[in-house]
């Protein structure tokens, strides 16, 4: 296995999954712009877009990176709700985040 990467959008309060690049038919691009993080998502259905926009003040975004012979690395981003926007012409959702926490989930599992 080389490197695998996927991302999820979750509702912060309930933990309900709203989008998942591993199981949903969508694509995303991740980039860092200065101190900000930007996720550009395409392929979301209308209902998912509506739910994400409705809950935009309460979103968390996760990015998972699995590299060969290394533990899974999880990135947790805090979303800026006012900067979650949908471009209807391009069918593209942009999600901006200000902060990131990186951790290895297996470091927190009890034996």
Protein backbone atom coordinates (compact mmCIF):
# COMPACT_ATOMS: atom_id res chain seq x y z
CA UNK A 1 0.00 0.00 0.00
CA UNK A 2 1.37 3.41 -0.91
CA UNK A 3 -0.54 6.31 0.59
CA UNK A 4 -4.30 6.48 1.02
CA UNK A 5 -6.15 9.61 2.00
CA UNK A 6 -9.82 10.36 2.60
CA UNK A 7 -11.93 12.96 4.34
CA UNK A 8 -15.18 13.31 6.24
CA UNK A 9 -17.52 16.13 7.17
CA UNK A 10 -19.37 15.59 10.46
CA UNK A 11 -21.89 17.49 12.52
CA UNK A 12 -19.98 18.47 15.64
CA UNK A 13 -22.78 18.04 18.17
CA UNK A 14 -24.22 14.69 17.08
CA UNK A 15 -21.20 13.31 15.27
CA UNK A 16 -23.50 12.50 12.35
CA UNK A 17 -21.59 11.96 9.11
CA UNK A 18 -22.55 14.37 6.33
CA UNK A 19 -19.98 13.47 3.67
CA UNK A 20 -17.29 10.82 3.39
CA UNK A 21 -14.92 10.50 0.45
CA UNK A 22 -14.30 6.85 1.30
CA UNK A 23 -17.93 5.78 0.96
CA UNK A 24 -19.68 8.55 -1.01
CA UNK A 25 -19.32 9.35 -4.69
CA UNK A 26 -17.48 12.65 -4.38
CA UNK A 27 -14.05 14.11 -4.83
CA UNK A 28 -12.19 16.72 -2.86
CA UNK A 29 -9.07 18.80 -3.01
CA UNK A 30 -7.19 19.86 0.12
CA UNK A 31 -4.84 22.81 0.21
CA UNK A 32 -3.28 25.08 2.77
CA UNK A 33 -3.46 28.84 2.14
CA UNK A 34 -1.25 30.59 4.66
CA UNK A 35 -2.67 29.61 8.02
CA UNK A 36 -6.02 28.53 6.55
CA UNK A 37 -7.04 25.11 5.24
CA UNK A 38 -9.39 24.77 2.28
CA UNK A 39 -11.42 21.76 1.17
CA UNK A 40 -13.03 21.98 -2.27
CA UNK A 41 -15.66 19.28 -2.72
CA UNK A 42 -17.50 18.18 -5.86
CA UNK A 43 -19.99 15.40 -6.48
CA UNK A 44 -22.19 16.00 -3.44
CA UNK A 45 -25.92 15.41 -3.86
CA UNK A 46 -28.32 18.27 -3.21
CA UNK A 47 -29.51 16.90 0.14
CA UNK A 48 -25.95 16.62 1.48
CA UNK A 49 -25.14 20.17 0.39
CA UNK A 50 -28.29 21.46 2.11
CA UNK A 51 -27.48 19.64 5.36
CA UNK A 52 -23.89 20.87 5.37
CA UNK A 53 -24.94 24.47 4.73
CA UNK A 54 -27.66 24.26 7.39
CA UNK A 55 -25.15 22.99 9.97
CA UNK A 56 -22.16 25.06 8.75
CA UNK A 57 -21.64 26.71 12.17
CA UNK A 58 -21.26 23.27 13.79
CA UNK A 59 -19.03 21.31 11.40
CA UNK A 60 -15.83 19.40 11.87
CA UNK A 61 -13.77 18.12 8.98
CA UNK A 62 -11.44 15.15 9.28
CA UNK A 63 -8.69 14.09 6.92
CA UNK A 64 -7.17 10.64 7.30
CA UNK A 65 -3.76 9.74 5.89
CA UNK A 66 -2.55 6.14 5.80
CA UNK A 67 1.05 5.64 4.66
CA UNK A 68 2.76 2.34 4.06
CA UNK A 69 4.10 0.81 7.28
CA UNK A 70 2.90 3.75 9.42
CA UNK A 71 -0.09 4.17 11.72
CA UNK A 72 -3.13 6.06 10.52
CA UNK A 73 -2.74 9.83 10.98
CA UNK A 74 -5.93 11.78 11.66
CA UNK A 75 -6.25 15.53 11.03
CA UNK A 76 -9.15 17.32 12.72
CA UNK A 77 -10.11 20.76 11.37
CA UNK A 78 -12.32 23.37 13.01
CA UNK A 79 -14.50 24.92 10.35
CA UNK A 80 -15.26 28.61 10.00
CA UNK A 81 -19.03 28.42 9.48
CA UNK A 82 -19.34 31.71 7.66
CA UNK A 83 -16.78 30.41 5.14
CA UNK A 84 -18.68 27.32 4.05
CA UNK A 85 -19.99 28.27 0.61
CA UNK A 86 -21.61 26.49 -2.29
CA UNK A 87 -21.07 27.59 -5.89
CA UNK A 88 -24.24 26.44 -7.67
CA UNK A 89 -22.84 27.04 -11.16
CA UNK A 90 -19.80 24.84 -10.54
CA UNK A 91 -21.54 22.47 -8.10
CA UNK A 92 -18.61 22.99 -5.75
CA UNK A 93 -18.63 23.27 -1.97
CA UNK A 94 -15.76 25.14 -0.33
CA UNK A 95 -15.03 24.61 3.35
CA UNK A 96 -12.47 26.78 5.13
CA UNK A 97 -10.89 25.90 8.45
CA UNK A 98 -8.63 27.88 10.77
CA UNK A 99 -7.09 25.27 13.02
CA UNK A 100 -5.90 21.69 12.84
CA UNK A 101 -5.16 19.00 15.38
CA UNK A 102 -3.10 16.02 14.20
CA UNK A 103 -2.96 12.77 16.08
CA UNK A 104 -2.55 9.03 15.75
CA UNK A 105 -5.82 7.42 16.94
CA UNK A 106 -4.14 4.19 18.10
CA UNK A 107 -2.13 6.23 20.63
CA UNK A 108 -5.42 6.76 22.50
CA UNK A 109 -6.75 3.22 22.58
CA UNK A 110 -6.60 1.43 25.91
CA UNK A 111 -5.00 -1.99 26.08
